[in-house]
PDB file of N, CA and C in Angstrom:
ATOM      1  N   MET A   1      -7.210  15.708  25.994  1.00  0.00           N
ATOM      2  CA  MET A   1      -6.765  16.352  24.969  1.00  0.00           C
ATOM      3  C   MET A   1      -8.511  16.187  24.258  1.00  0.00           C
ATOM      4  N   LYS A   2      -8.734  16.770  22.870  1.00  0.00           N
ATOM      5  CA  LYS A   2      -9.909  17.071  22.100  1.00  0.00           C
ATOM      6  C   LYS A   2      -9.606  17.018  21.045  1.00  0.00           C
ATOM      7  N   LEU A   3     -10.330  15.829  20.507  1.00  0.00           N
ATOM      8  CA  LEU A   3     -10.911  15.212  19.075  1.00  0.00           C
ATOM      9  C   LEU A   3     -12.242  16.108  18.574  1.00  0.00           C
ATOM     10  N   THR A   4     -11.613  16.984  17.215  1.00  0.00           N
ATOM     11  CA  THR A   4     -12.592  17.984  16.680  1.00  0.00           C
ATOM     12  C   THR A   4     -12.857  17.221  15.167  1.00  0.00           C
ATOM     13  N   PHE A   5     -14.463  17.070  14.971  1.00  0.00           N
ATOM     14  CA  PHE A   5     -14.522  16.506  13.487  1.00  0.00           C
ATOM     15  C   PHE A   5     -14.767  17.645  12.374  1.00  0.00           C
ATOM     16  N   GLU A   6     -14.841  17.524  11.447  1.00  0.00           N
ATOM     17  CA  GLU A   6     -15.193  18.779  10.595  1.00  0.00           C
ATOM     18  C   GLU A   6     -16.496  19.031  10.696  1.00  0.00           C
ATOM     19  N   ASN A   7     -17.589  18.022  11.353  1.00  0.00           N
ATOM     20  CA  ASN A   7     -18.512  18.260  11.403  1.00  0.00           C
ATOM     21  C   ASN A   7     -19.120  19.281  12.534  1.00  0.00           C
ATOM     22  N   GLY A   8     -17.982  19.466  13.644  1.00  0.00           N
ATOM     23  CA  GLY A   8     -18.073  20.355  14.738  1.00  0.00           C
ATOM     24  C   GLY A   8     -18.114  19.672  15.948  1.00  0.00           C
ATOM     25  N   GLU A   9     -18.691  18.299  15.684  1.00  0.00           N
ATOM     26  CA  GLU A   9     -18.351  17.576  17.247  1.00  0.00           C
ATOM     27  C   GLU A   9     -17.141  17.717  17.744  1.00  0.00           C
ATOM     28  N   VAL A  10     -17.157  17.220  18.784  1.00  0.00           N
ATOM     29  CA  VAL A  10     -15.608  17.746  19.859  1.00  0.00           C
ATOM     30  C   VAL A  10     -16.055  16.688  20.970  1.00  0.00           C
ATOM     31  N   ALA A  11     -14.780  15.521  21.090  1.00  0.00           N
ATOM     32  CA  ALA A  11     -14.565  14.599  22.362  1.00  0.00           C
ATOM     33  C   ALA A  11     -13.594  15.220  23.356  1.00  0.00           C
ATOM     34  N   GLU A  12     -13.495  14.740  24.147  1.00  0.00           N
ATOM     35  CA  GLU A  12     -12.613  14.711  24.991  1.00  0.00           C
ATOM     36  C   GLU A  12     -12.314  13.550  24.791  1.00  0.00           C
ATOM     37  N   VAL A  13     -10.752  13.324  24.826  1.00  0.00           N
ATOM     38  CA  VAL A  13     -10.132  12.056  24.934  1.00  0.00           C
ATOM     39  C   VAL A  13      -9.162  11.590  26.086  1.00  0.00           C
ATOM     40  N   GLY A  14      -9.196  10.376  25.919  1.00  0.00           N
ATOM     41  CA  GLY A  14      -7.715  10.066  26.752  1.00  0.00           C
ATOM     42  C   GLY A  14      -6.941   8.646  26.559  1.00  0.00           C
ATOM     43  N   ALA A  15      -6.191   7.989  27.350  1.00  0.00           N
ATOM     44  CA  ALA A  15      -5.522   7.063  26.707  1.00  0.00           C
ATOM     45  C   ALA A  15      -6.232   5.867  27.071  1.00  0.00           C
ATOM     46  N   ASP A  16      -7.630   6.149  26.983  1.00  0.00           N
ATOM     47  CA  ASP A  16      -8.778   4.876  27.167  1.00  0.00           C
ATOM     48  C   ASP A  16      -9.654   5.114  26.371  1.00  0.00           C
ATOM     49  N   SER A  17      -9.212   5.974  25.398  1.00  0.00           N
ATOM     50  CA  SER A  17     -10.590   6.190  24.271  1.00  0.00           C
ATOM     51  C   SER A  17     -10.356   5.017  23.081  1.00  0.00           C
ATOM     52  N   ASP A  18     -11.165   5.152  22.775  1.00  0.00           N
ATOM     53  CA  ASP A  18     -11.595   4.305  21.328  1.00  0.00           C
ATOM     54  C   ASP A  18     -11.354   4.524  20.281  1.00  0.00           C
ATOM     55  N   PHE A  19     -10.531   4.754  19.958  1.00  0.00           N
ATOM     56  CA  PHE A  19     -10.045   5.839  18.461  1.00  0.00           C
ATOM     57  C   PHE A  19     -10.712   4.747  17.179  1.00  0.00           C
ATOM     58  N   ARG A  20     -10.384   3.355  17.116  1.00  0.00           N
ATOM     59  CA  ARG A  20     -11.259   2.712  15.980  1.00  0.00           C
ATOM     60  C   ARG A  20     -12.625   3.313  16.158  1.00  0.00           C
ATOM     61  N   GLU A  21     -13.399   3.598  16.905  1.00  0.00           N
ATOM     62  CA  GLU A  21     -14.761   4.067  17.030  1.00  0.00           C
ATOM     63  C   GLU A  21     -15.067   5.194  16.808  1.00  0.00           C
ATOM     64  N   LEU A  22     -14.137   6.023  17.338  1.00  0.00           N
ATOM     65  CA  LEU A  22     -14.365   7.256  17.071  1.00  0.00           C
ATOM     66  C   LEU A  22     -14.383   7.854  15.785  1.00  0.00           C
ATOM     67  N   LEU A  23     -13.105   7.371  15.083  1.00  0.00           N
ATOM     68  CA  LEU A  23     -12.654   7.495  14.326  1.00  0.00           C
ATOM     69  C   LEU A  23     -13.619   6.855  12.488  1.00  0.00           C
ATOM     70  N   ASP A  24     -14.430   5.905  12.793  1.00  0.00           N
ATOM     71  CA  ASP A  24     -15.450   5.028  12.437  1.00  0.00           C
ATOM     72  C   ASP A  24     -16.496   6.007  11.782  1.00  0.00           C
ATOM     73  N   ALA A  25     -16.529   7.191  12.556  1.00  0.00           N
ATOM     74  CA  ALA A  25     -17.753   8.618  11.987  1.00  0.00           C
ATOM     75  C   ALA A  25     -17.024   9.374  11.106  1.00  0.00           C
ATOM     76  N   LEU A  26     -16.217   9.112  10.445  1.00  0.00           N
ATOM     77  CA  LEU A  26     -15.609   9.804   9.198  1.00  0.00           C
ATOM     78  C   LEU A  26     -16.420   9.184   8.196  1.00  0.00           C
ATOM     79  N   ASN A  27     -16.639  10.469   7.525  1.00  0.00           N
ATOM     80  CA  ASN A  27     -17.334  10.435   6.160  1.00  0.00           C
ATOM     81  C   ASN A  27     -16.767  11.025   5.142  1.00  0.00           C
ATOM     82  N   PRO A  28     -15.837  10.646   3.494  1.00  0.00           N
ATOM     83  CA  PRO A  28     -15.581  11.347   3.236  1.00  0.00           C
ATOM     84  C   PRO A  28     -16.406  12.723   2.356  1.00  0.00           C
ATOM     85  N   SER A  29     -17.935  12.156   2.111  1.00  0.00           N
ATOM     86  CA  SER A  29     -18.329  13.622   1.708  1.00  0.00           C
ATOM     87  C   SER A  29     -19.052  14.866   2.714  1.00  0.00           C
ATOM     88  N   THR A  30     -18.965  14.178   3.792  1.00  0.00           N
ATOM     89  CA  THR A  30     -19.747  14.926   4.755  1.00  0.00           C
ATOM     90  C   THR A  30     -18.965  15.208   5.835  1.00  0.00           C
ATOM     91  N   ASN A  31     -18.033  14.416   6.559  1.00  0.00           N
ATOM     92  CA  ASN A  31     -17.499  14.530   7.542  1.00  0.00           C
ATOM     93  C   ASN A  31     -16.239  13.713   7.453  1.00  0.00           C
ATOM     94  N   PRO A  32     -15.400  14.281   6.586  1.00  0.00           N
ATOM     95  CA  PRO A  32     -13.977  13.623   6.643  1.00  0.00           C
ATOM     96  C   PRO A  32     -12.793  13.671   7.312  1.00  0.00           C
ATOM     97  N   PHE A  33     -12.491  15.213   8.031  1.00  0.00           N
ATOM     98  CA  PHE A  33     -11.444  14.762   9.018  1.00  0.00           C
ATOM     99  C   PHE A  33     -11.552  15.234  10.265  1.00  0.00           C
ATOM    100  N   ALA A  34     -10.843  14.332  10.971  1.00  0.00           N
ATOM    101  CA  ALA A  34     -10.767  14.830  12.647  1.00  0.00           C
ATOM    102  C   ALA A  34      -9.204  15.617  12.813  1.00  0.00           C
ATOM    103  N   ILE A  35      -9.390  16.197  14.363  1.00  0.00           N
ATOM    104  CA  ILE A  35      -8.023  16.739  14.564  1.00  0.00           C
ATOM    105  C   ILE A  35      -8.009  16.792  16.254  1.00  0.00           C
ATOM    106  N   LEU A  36      -6.688  15.592  16.156  1.00  0.00           N
ATOM    107  CA  LEU A  36      -6.612  15.567  18.103  1.00  0.00           C
ATOM    108  C   LEU A  36      -5.782  16.691  18.374  1.00  0.00           C
ATOM    109  N   SER A  37      -5.892  17.142  19.317  1.00  0.00           N
ATOM    110  CA  SER A  37      -4.844  17.969  19.947  1.00  0.00           C
ATOM    111  C   SER A  37      -4.490  18.354  20.734  1.00  0.00           C
ATOM    112  N   ARG A  38      -3.425  18.407  21.341  1.00  0.00           N
ATOM    113  CA  ARG A  38      -2.821  18.810  22.649  1.00  0.00           C
ATOM    114  C   ARG A  38      -3.174  20.527  22.919  1.00  0.00           C
ATOM    115  N   SER A  39      -3.016  21.370  21.526  1.00  0.00           N
ATOM    116  CA  SER A  39      -3.290  23.062  21.661  1.00  0.00           C
ATOM    117  C   SER A  39      -2.938  22.944  20.822  1.00  0.00           C
ATOM    118  N   ASP A  40      -3.648  24.913  20.118  1.00  0.00           N
ATOM    119  CA  ASP A  40      -3.671  24.751  18.824  1.00  0.00           C
ATOM    120  C   ASP A  40      -2.229  24.384  18.189  1.00  0.00           C
ATOM    121  N   ASN A  41      -0.706  24.426  18.208  1.00  0.00           N
ATOM    122  CA  ASN A  41       0.056  24.185  17.634  1.00  0.00           C
ATOM    123  C   ASN A  41       0.811  22.879  17.964  1.00  0.00           C
ATOM    124  N   PHE A  42       0.222  21.803  18.486  1.00  0.00           N
ATOM    125  CA  PHE A  42       0.249  20.537  18.638  1.00  0.00           C
ATOM    126  C   PHE A  42      -0.744  19.964  18.288  1.00  0.00           C
ATOM    127  N   TYR A  43      -0.753  18.973  17.433  1.00  0.00           N
ATOM    128  CA  TYR A  43      -1.737  18.285  16.665  1.00  0.00           C
ATOM    129  C   TYR A  43      -1.380  16.645  16.020  1.00  0.00           C
ATOM    130  N   MET A  44      -2.447  16.191  15.890  1.00  0.00           N
ATOM    131  CA  MET A  44      -2.643  15.345  14.756  1.00  0.00           C
ATOM    132  C   MET A  44      -3.939  15.129  14.000  1.00  0.00           C
ATOM    133  N   GLN A  45      -3.517  15.072  12.582  1.00  0.00           N
ATOM    134  CA  GLN A  45      -4.868  15.088  12.160  1.00  0.00           C
ATOM    135  C   GLN A  45      -5.175  14.263  10.749  1.00  0.00           C
ATOM    136  N   THR A  46      -6.404  13.230  10.695  1.00  0.00           N
ATOM    137  CA  THR A  46      -6.318  12.316   9.674  1.00  0.00           C
ATOM    138  C   THR A  46      -7.454  12.991   9.059  1.00  0.00           C
ATOM    139  N   LEU A  47      -7.204  12.728   7.539  1.00  0.00           N
ATOM    140  CA  LEU A  47      -8.220  13.244   6.520  1.00  0.00           C
ATOM    141  C   LEU A  47      -8.974  11.370   5.456  1.00  0.00           C
ATOM    142  N   TYR A  48     -10.222  11.329   5.630  1.00  0.00           N
ATOM    143  CA  TYR A  48     -10.791   9.788   5.161  1.00  0.00           C
ATOM    144  C   TYR A  48     -11.067  10.075   3.521  1.00  0.00           C
ATOM    145  N   THR A  49      -9.857   9.572   3.155  1.00  0.00           N
ATOM    146  CA  THR A  49     -10.531   9.439   1.690  1.00  0.00           C
ATOM    147  C   THR A  49     -11.803   8.971   0.573  1.00  0.00           C
ATOM    148  N   GLY A  50     -12.304   8.119   1.385  1.00  0.00           N
ATOM    149  CA  GLY A  50     -12.824   6.525   0.953  1.00  0.00           C
ATOM    150  C   GLY A  50     -12.352   5.728   0.791  1.00  0.00           C
ATOM    151  N   SER A  51     -11.120   5.505   0.181  1.00  0.00           N
ATOM    152  CA  SER A  51     -10.497   4.234  -0.091  1.00  0.00           C
ATOM    153  C   SER A  51      -9.269   4.465   1.187  1.00  0.00           C
ATOM    154  N   GLY A  52      -9.004   5.606   2.179  1.00  0.00           N
ATOM    155  CA  GLY A  52      -7.765   5.023   3.021  1.00  0.00           C
ATOM    156  C   GLY A  52      -7.621   6.729   3.949  1.00  0.00           C
ATOM    157  N   TYR A  53      -7.358   6.580   4.573  1.00  0.00           N
ATOM    158  CA  TYR A  53      -6.592   7.614   5.631  1.00  0.00           C
ATOM    159  C   TYR A  53      -5.357   8.188   5.442  1.00  0.00           C
ATOM    160  N   GLU A  54      -5.338   9.760   5.559  1.00  0.00           N
ATOM    161  CA  GLU A  54      -4.023  10.484   5.017  1.00  0.00           C
ATOM    162  C   GLU A  54      -3.906  10.885   6.669  1.00  0.00           C
ATOM    163  N   LEU A  55      -2.549  11.227   7.167  1.00  0.00           N
ATOM    164  CA  LEU A  55      -1.948  11.784   8.252  1.00  0.00           C
ATOM    165  C   LEU A  55      -0.799  12.827   8.056  1.00  0.00           C
ATOM    166  N   GLU A  56      -1.059  13.588   9.015  1.00  0.00           N
ATOM    167  CA  GLU A  56      -0.567  14.715   9.084  1.00  0.00           C
ATOM    168  C   GLU A  56       0.149  15.072  10.576  1.00  0.00           C
ATOM    169  N   LYS A  57       0.751  15.631  11.169  1.00  0.00           N
ATOM    170  CA  LYS A  57       0.800  16.345  12.870  1.00  0.00           C
ATOM    171  C   LYS A  57       1.996  17.413  12.435  1.00  0.00           C
ATOM    172  N   ARG A  58       1.636  18.423  13.583  1.00  0.00           N
ATOM    173  CA  ARG A  58       2.448  19.368  14.026  1.00  0.00           C
ATOM    174  C   ARG A  58       2.858  19.961  14.858  1.00  0.00           C
ATOM    175  N   ASP A  59       4.112  20.206  15.306  1.00  0.00           N
ATOM    176  CA  ASP A  59       4.900  19.980  16.692  1.00  0.00           C
ATOM    177  C   ASP A  59       5.304  21.634  16.850  1.00  0.00           C
ATOM    178  N   GLY A  60       4.322  22.361  16.754  1.00  0.00           N
ATOM    179  CA  GLY A  60       4.573  23.531  17.597  1.00  0.00           C
ATOM    180  C   GLY A  60       4.689  24.658  16.619  1.00  0.00           C
ATOM    181  N   ASN A  61       4.431  24.584  15.692  1.00  0.00           N
ATOM    182  CA  ASN A  61       4.822  25.644  14.220  1.00  0.00           C
ATOM    183  C   ASN A  61       4.387  25.233  12.961  1.00  0.00           C
ATOM    184  N   ALA A  62       4.373  26.542  11.661  1.00  0.00           N
ATOM    185  CA  ALA A  62       4.240  25.637  10.730  1.00  0.00           C
ATOM    186  C   ALA A  62       5.308  25.146   9.978  1.00  0.00           C
ATOM    187  N   GLY A  63       6.807  25.220  10.824  1.00  0.00           N
ATOM    188  CA  GLY A  63       7.930  24.831   9.927  1.00  0.00           C
ATOM    189  C   GLY A  63       8.214  23.295  10.638  1.00  0.00           C
ATOM    190  N   ALA A  64       7.106  23.487  11.319  1.00  0.00           N
ATOM    191  CA  ALA A  64       7.130  21.776  12.264  1.00  0.00           C
ATOM    192  C   ALA A  64       5.469  20.710  11.874  1.00  0.00           C
ATOM    193  N   HIS A  65       5.581  20.704  10.616  1.00  0.00           N
ATOM    194  CA  HIS A  65       4.366  20.230  10.156  1.00  0.00           C
ATOM    195  C   HIS A  65       5.043  18.987   9.026  1.00  0.00           C
ATOM    196  N   PHE A  66       4.301  17.588   9.674  1.00  0.00           N
ATOM    197  CA  PHE A  66       5.000  16.491   9.108  1.00  0.00           C
ATOM    198  C   PHE A  66       3.837  16.083   8.479  1.00  0.00           C
ATOM    199  N   VAL A  67       4.102  15.003   7.380  1.00  0.00           N
ATOM    200  CA  VAL A  67       2.787  14.160   6.880  1.00  0.00           C
ATOM    201  C   VAL A  67       3.518  12.635   7.055  1.00  0.00           C
ATOM    202  N   ALA A  68       2.679  11.533   7.476  1.00  0.00           N
ATOM    203  CA  ALA A  68       3.063  10.645   7.319  1.00  0.00           C
ATOM    204  C   ALA A  68       3.018   9.782   6.406  1.00  0.00           C
ATOM    205  N   ALA A  69       4.584   8.677   6.157  1.00  0.00           N
ATOM    206  CA  ALA A  69       4.606   8.334   4.784  1.00  0.00           C
ATOM    207  C   ALA A  69       5.359   6.633   5.349  1.00  0.00           C
ATOM    208  N   ARG A  70       4.963   5.897   4.195  1.00  0.00           N
ATOM    209  CA  ARG A  70       5.457   4.107   4.782  1.00  0.00           C
ATOM    210  C   ARG A  70       6.822   4.448   4.386  1.00  0.00           C
ATOM    211  N   ILE A  71       7.518   3.421   4.552  1.00  0.00           N
ATOM    212  CA  ILE A  71       9.016   2.844   4.361  1.00  0.00           C
ATOM    213  C   ILE A  71       8.887   1.883   3.519  1.00  0.00           C
ATOM    214  N   SER A  72       9.434   2.312   2.357  1.00  0.00           N
ATOM    215  CA  SER A  72      10.097   1.512   1.260  1.00  0.00           C
ATOM    216  C   SER A  72      10.890   0.450   1.296  1.00  0.00           C
ATOM    217  N   SER A  73      11.032  -0.691   0.732  1.00  0.00           N
ATOM    218  CA  SER A  73      12.187  -2.054   1.301  1.00  0.00           C
ATOM    219  C   SER A  73      13.111  -1.173   1.364  1.00  0.00           C
ATOM    220  N   SER A  74      13.743  -0.070   0.966  1.00  0.00           N
ATOM    221  CA  SER A  74      15.077   0.523   0.799  1.00  0.00           C
ATOM    222  C   SER A  74      15.069   0.981   2.218  1.00  0.00           C
ATOM    223  N   GLY A  75      14.322   1.409   3.108  1.00  0.00           N
ATOM    224  CA  GLY A  75      14.784   2.368   4.602  1.00  0.00           C
ATOM    225  C   GLY A  75      14.003   3.465   3.780  1.00  0.00           C
ATOM    226  N   LYS A  76      13.506   3.843   3.085  1.00  0.00           N
ATOM    227  CA  LYS A  76      13.268   5.307   2.929  1.00  0.00           C
ATOM    228  C   LYS A  76      12.050   5.585   2.449  1.00  0.00           C
ATOM    229  N   PRO A  77      11.707   6.516   2.913  1.00  0.00           N
ATOM    230  CA  PRO A  77      10.078   6.870   3.081  1.00  0.00           C
ATOM    231  C   PRO A  77       9.518   7.079   1.233  1.00  0.00           C
ATOM    232  N   ILE A  78       8.351   6.513   0.963  1.00  0.00           N
ATOM    233  CA  ILE A  78       7.540   6.582  -0.448  1.00  0.00           C
ATOM    234  C   ILE A  78       7.257   8.330  -0.791  1.00  0.00           C
ATOM    235  N   GLN A  79       7.954   8.246  -2.117  1.00  0.00           N
ATOM    236  CA  GLN A  79       8.015  10.060  -2.149  1.00  0.00           C
ATOM    237  C   GLN A  79       6.447  10.073  -2.421  1.00  0.00           C
ATOM    238  N   ILE A  80       5.850  11.445  -1.935  1.00  0.00           N
ATOM    239  CA  ILE A  80       5.073  11.967  -1.974  1.00  0.00           C
ATOM    240  C   ILE A  80       4.971  13.476  -2.581  1.00  0.00           C
ATOM    241  N   GLY A  81       4.001  13.525  -2.724  1.00  0.00           N
ATOM    242  CA  GLY A  81       3.827  14.965  -3.588  1.00  0.00           C
ATOM    243  C   GLY A  81       3.638  16.163  -2.636  1.00  0.00           C
ATOM    244  N   LYS A  82       3.677  17.263  -3.653  1.00  0.00           N
ATOM    245  CA  LYS A  82       4.037  18.879  -2.922  1.00  0.00           C
ATOM    246  C   LYS A  82       2.406  18.862  -2.201  1.00  0.00           C
ATOM    247  N   TRP A  83       2.453  19.899  -1.002  1.00  0.00           N
ATOM    248  CA  TRP A  83       1.222  19.424  -0.595  1.00  0.00           C
ATOM    249  C   TRP A  83      -0.136  20.100  -1.442  1.00  0.00           C
ATOM    250  N   TRP A  84       0.215  21.455  -2.198  1.00  0.00           N
ATOM    251  CA  TRP A  84      -0.578  21.872  -3.229  1.00  0.00           C
ATOM    252  C   TRP A  84      -1.025  20.952  -4.463  1.00  0.00           C
ATOM    253  N   GLN A  85      -0.363  19.963  -4.725  1.00  0.00           N
ATOM    254  CA  GLN A  85      -0.510  19.045  -5.399  1.00  0.00           C
ATOM    255  C   GLN A  85      -1.331  17.920  -4.962  1.00  0.00           C
ATOM    256  N   PHE A  86      -1.337  17.505  -3.539  1.00  0.00           N
ATOM    257  CA  PHE A  86      -2.829  16.834  -3.164  1.00  0.00           C
ATOM    258  C   PHE A  86      -3.892  17.605  -2.937  1.00  0.00           C
ATOM    259  N   TRP A  87      -3.848  18.699  -2.789  1.00  0.00           N
ATOM    260  CA  TRP A  87      -5.253  19.176  -2.453  1.00  0.00           C
ATOM    261  C   TRP A  87      -5.970  19.628  -4.080  1.00  0.00           C
ATOM    262  N   LYS A  88      -4.966  19.677  -4.944  1.00  0.00           N
ATOM    263  CA  LYS A  88      -5.761  19.809  -6.342  1.00  0.00           C
ATOM    264  C   LYS A  88      -5.776  18.156  -6.903  1.00  0.00           C
ATOM    265  N   GLY A  89      -5.840  17.058  -6.334  1.00  0.00           N
ATOM    266  CA  GLY A  89      -6.404  16.007  -6.399  1.00  0.00           C
ATOM    267  C   GLY A  89      -5.288  14.847  -7.081  1.00  0.00           C
ATOM    268  N   ASN A  90      -3.992  15.347  -7.023  1.00  0.00           N
ATOM    269  CA  ASN A  90      -2.795  14.619  -7.227  1.00  0.00           C
ATOM    270  C   ASN A  90      -2.554  13.760  -5.948  1.00  0.00           C
ATOM    271  N   ARG A  91      -3.342  12.301  -5.613  1.00  0.00           N
ATOM    272  CA  ARG A  91      -2.946  11.545  -4.991  1.00  0.00           C
ATOM    273  C   ARG A  91      -2.142  11.114  -4.566  1.00  0.00           C
ATOM    274  N   ARG A  92      -0.677  11.320  -4.113  1.00  0.00           N
ATOM    275  CA  ARG A  92       0.953  10.604  -3.978  1.00  0.00           C
ATOM    276  C   ARG A  92       0.785  10.696  -2.678  1.00  0.00           C
ATOM    277  N   ARG A  93       0.087  10.565  -2.132  1.00  0.00           N
ATOM    278  CA  ARG A  93       0.513  10.387  -0.440  1.00  0.00           C
ATOM    279  C   ARG A  93      -0.129   9.320  -0.082  1.00  0.00           C
ATOM    280  N   ASP A  94       0.247   8.598   1.225  1.00  0.00           N
ATOM    281  CA  ASP A  94       0.252   7.176   1.724  1.00  0.00           C
ATOM    282  C   ASP A  94      -1.312   7.285   1.927  1.00  0.00           C
ATOM    283  N   GLU A  95      -1.993   6.186   2.171  1.00  0.00           N
ATOM    284  CA  GLU A  95      -3.032   6.130   2.609  1.00  0.00           C
ATOM    285  C   GLU A  95      -3.060   4.556   3.416  1.00  0.00           C
ATOM    286  N   PHE A  96      -3.364   4.886   4.824  1.00  0.00           N
ATOM    287  CA  PHE A  96      -3.500   4.353   5.662  1.00  0.00           C
ATOM    288  C   PHE A  96      -4.543   3.446   5.725  1.00  0.00           C
ATOM    289  N   THR A  97      -5.130   2.200   6.990  1.00  0.00           N
ATOM    290  CA  THR A  97      -6.263   1.854   7.393  1.00  0.00           C
ATOM    291  C   THR A  97      -6.837   2.786   8.617  1.00  0.00           C
ATOM    292  N   LEU A  98      -7.913   2.245   8.951  1.00  0.00           N
ATOM    293  CA  LEU A  98      -8.424   2.934  10.612  1.00  0.00           C
ATOM    294  C   LEU A  98      -7.924   2.439  11.475  1.00  0.00           C
ATOM    295  N   ASN A  99      -7.598   1.289  11.358  1.00  0.00           N
ATOM    296  CA  ASN A  99      -6.708   0.496  12.716  1.00  0.00           C
ATOM    297  C   ASN A  99      -5.081   1.313  12.626  1.00  0.00           C
ATOM    298  N   GLU A 100      -4.435   1.190  11.553  1.00  0.00           N
ATOM    299  CA  GLU A 100      -3.571   2.143  11.774  1.00  0.00           C
ATOM    300  C   GLU A 100      -3.158   3.470  12.287  1.00  0.00           C
ATOM    301  N   ILE A 101      -4.835   4.465  11.593  1.00  0.00           N
ATOM    302  CA  ILE A 101      -4.423   5.410  12.482  1.00  0.00           C
ATOM    303  C   ILE A 101      -4.720   5.805  13.601  1.00  0.00           C
ATOM    304  N   ALA A 102      -5.810   4.849  13.839  1.00  0.00           N
ATOM    305  CA  ALA A 102      -5.934   4.669  15.529  1.00  0.00           C
ATOM    306  C   ALA A 102      -5.106   4.743  16.463  1.00  0.00           C
ATOM    307  N   ASP A 103      -4.001   3.523  15.707  1.00  0.00           N
ATOM    308  CA  ASP A 103      -2.767   3.125  16.453  1.00  0.00           C
ATOM    309  C   ASP A 103      -2.099   4.428  17.031  1.00  0.00           C
ATOM    310  N   GLN A 104      -2.445   5.413  15.937  1.00  0.00           N
ATOM    311  CA  GLN A 104      -1.201   6.616  15.950  1.00  0.00           C
ATOM    312  C   GLN A 104      -1.779   7.456  16.684  1.00  0.00           C
ATOM    313  N   PHE A 105      -3.514   7.791  16.689  1.00  0.00           N
ATOM    314  CA  PHE A 105      -3.960   8.587  17.430  1.00  0.00           C
ATOM    315  C   PHE A 105      -4.073   8.120  19.372  1.00  0.00           C
ATOM    316  N   SER A 106      -3.510   6.824  19.355  1.00  0.00           N
ATOM    317  CA  SER A 106      -3.335   6.425  20.756  1.00  0.00           C
ATOM    318  C   SER A 106      -2.047   6.712  21.168  1.00  0.00           C
ATOM    319  N   ASN A 107      -1.067   6.296  20.293  1.00  0.00           N
ATOM    320  CA  ASN A 107       0.453   6.806  20.587  1.00  0.00           C
ATOM    321  C   ASN A 107       0.635   8.091  21.063  1.00  0.00           C
ATOM    322  N   PHE A 108       0.027   9.494  20.308  1.00  0.00           N
ATOM    323  CA  PHE A 108       0.147  10.520  19.990  1.00  0.00           C
ATOM    324  C   PHE A 108      -0.265  10.750  21.728  1.00  0.00           C
ATOM    325  N   VAL A 109      -1.558  10.111  22.122  1.00  0.00           N
ATOM    326  CA  VAL A 109      -2.485  11.049  23.395  1.00  0.00           C
ATOM    327  C   VAL A 109      -1.220  10.151  24.494  1.00  0.00           C
ATOM    328  N   SER A 110      -0.536   9.051  24.457  1.00  0.00           N
ATOM    329  CA  SER A 110       0.342   8.282  25.452  1.00  0.00           C
ATOM    330  C   SER A 110       1.279   8.781  25.203  1.00  0.00           C
ATOM    331  N   GLY A 111       1.991   9.496  24.320  1.00  0.00           N
ATOM    332  CA  GLY A 111       3.369   9.564  24.354  1.00  0.00           C
ATOM    333  C   GLY A 111       4.099   8.767  23.698  1.00  0.00           C
ATOM    334  N   GLY A 112       3.566   7.555  23.178  1.00  0.00           N
ATOM    335  CA  GLY A 112       3.932   6.114  22.936  1.00  0.00           C
ATOM    336  C   GLY A 112       5.409   6.848  21.722  1.00  0.00           C
ATOM    337  N   LYS A 113       5.498   5.292  21.191  1.00  0.00           N
ATOM    338  CA  LYS A 113       6.479   5.698  19.728  1.00  0.00           C
ATOM    339  C   LYS A 113       5.733   5.225  18.223  1.00  0.00           C
ATOM    340  N   ASN A 114       5.973   6.002  17.091  1.00  0.00           N
ATOM    341  CA  ASN A 114       5.776   5.602  16.042  1.00  0.00           C
ATOM    342  C   ASN A 114       5.837   4.092  15.213  1.00  0.00           C
ATOM    343  N   ASP A 115       5.084   4.126  14.673  1.00  0.00           N
ATOM    344  CA  ASP A 115       4.668   2.204  14.227  1.00  0.00           C
ATOM    345  C   ASP A 115       6.406   2.694  13.655  1.00  0.00           C
ATOM    346  N   ALA A 116       6.937   1.255  13.403  1.00  0.00           N
ATOM    347  CA  ALA A 116       8.305   1.504  12.451  1.00  0.00           C
ATOM    348  C   ALA A 116       8.367   1.454  11.114  1.00  0.00           C
ATOM    349  N   ASP A 117       7.003   1.159  10.569  1.00  0.00           N
ATOM    350  CA  ASP A 117       6.436   1.174   9.065  1.00  0.00           C
ATOM    351  C   ASP A 117       6.280   2.585   8.560  1.00  0.00           C
ATOM    352  N   LEU A 118       6.519   4.004   9.315  1.00  0.00           N
ATOM    353  CA  LEU A 118       6.253   5.031   9.528  1.00  0.00           C
ATOM    354  C   LEU A 118       7.015   5.851   9.309  1.00  0.00           C
ATOM    355  N   LYS A 119       7.482   6.484   8.601  1.00  0.00           N
ATOM    356  CA  LYS A 119       8.066   7.939   8.764  1.00  0.00           C
ATOM    357  C   LYS A 119       7.439   9.503   8.576  1.00  0.00           C
ATOM    358  N   TRP A 120       8.074  10.206   9.377  1.00  0.00           N
ATOM    359  CA  TRP A 120       7.283  11.776   9.318  1.00  0.00           C
ATOM    360  C   TRP A 120       8.163  12.566   8.300  1.00  0.00           C
ATOM    361  N   VAL A 121       7.482  12.987   7.096  1.00  0.00           N
ATOM    362  CA  VAL A 121       7.902  13.873   6.218  1.00  0.00           C
ATOM    363  C   VAL A 121       8.065  15.047   6.473  1.00  0.00           C
ATOM    364  N   LYS A 122       8.858  15.832   6.753  1.00  0.00           N
ATOM    365  CA  LYS A 122       8.397  17.367   6.742  1.00  0.00           C
ATOM    366  C   LYS A 122       7.573  18.067   5.559  1.00  0.00           C
ATOM    367  N   LEU A 123       6.596  18.653   6.077  1.00  0.00           N
ATOM    368  CA  LEU A 123       5.814  19.307   4.381  1.00  0.00           C
ATOM    369  C   LEU A 123       6.673  21.005   4.104  1.00  0.00           C
ATOM    370  N   GLU A 124       6.632  21.134   2.806  1.00  0.00           N
ATOM    371  CA  GLU A 124       7.357  22.450   2.637  1.00  0.00           C
ATOM    372  C   GLU A 124       6.022  23.158   2.094  1.00  0.00           C
ATOM    373  N   PHE A 125       5.969  24.395   2.589  1.00  0.00           N
ATOM    374  CA  PHE A 125       4.838  25.074   2.113  1.00  0.00           C
ATOM    375  C   PHE A 125       4.875  25.734   0.916  1.00  0.00           C
ATOM    376  N   ASN A 126       6.411  25.834   0.433  1.00  0.00           N
ATOM    377  CA  ASN A 126       6.635  26.902  -0.778  1.00  0.00           C
ATOM    378  C   ASN A 126       6.506  26.178  -1.636  1.00  0.00           C
ATOM    379  N   SER A 127       6.102  26.740  -2.771  1.00  0.00           N
ATOM    380  CA  SER A 127       6.032  25.747  -4.014  1.00  0.00           C
ATOM    381  C   SER A 127       7.272  25.971  -4.734  1.00  0.00           C
TER     382      SER A 127
END
């Protein structure tokens, strides 16, 4: 698998990769995102905002693009905003820690299960 950073750096990664160390290179102003890809349409990506990390994945096509959400005490995903609201500064998405993102990247590489406190919510790209 390939881990690509916004600054152009690319690392070949596997099950034994230290994602905490690799993702620690993210910087909100100069190198904010990384994409872990199996192929062009199967990937997981994270954005470092300076206060936490956003997490998304794509499972084959634009209709299978998801954002990670925390699970509320009622067992439902915490409400998130529309994708276009997020990019306009409405930060209604969940932010995760470096350790949580590193664990998700490790799970993606190994084909493991997601964290029980995380739900993948389908992104709708229409307004």
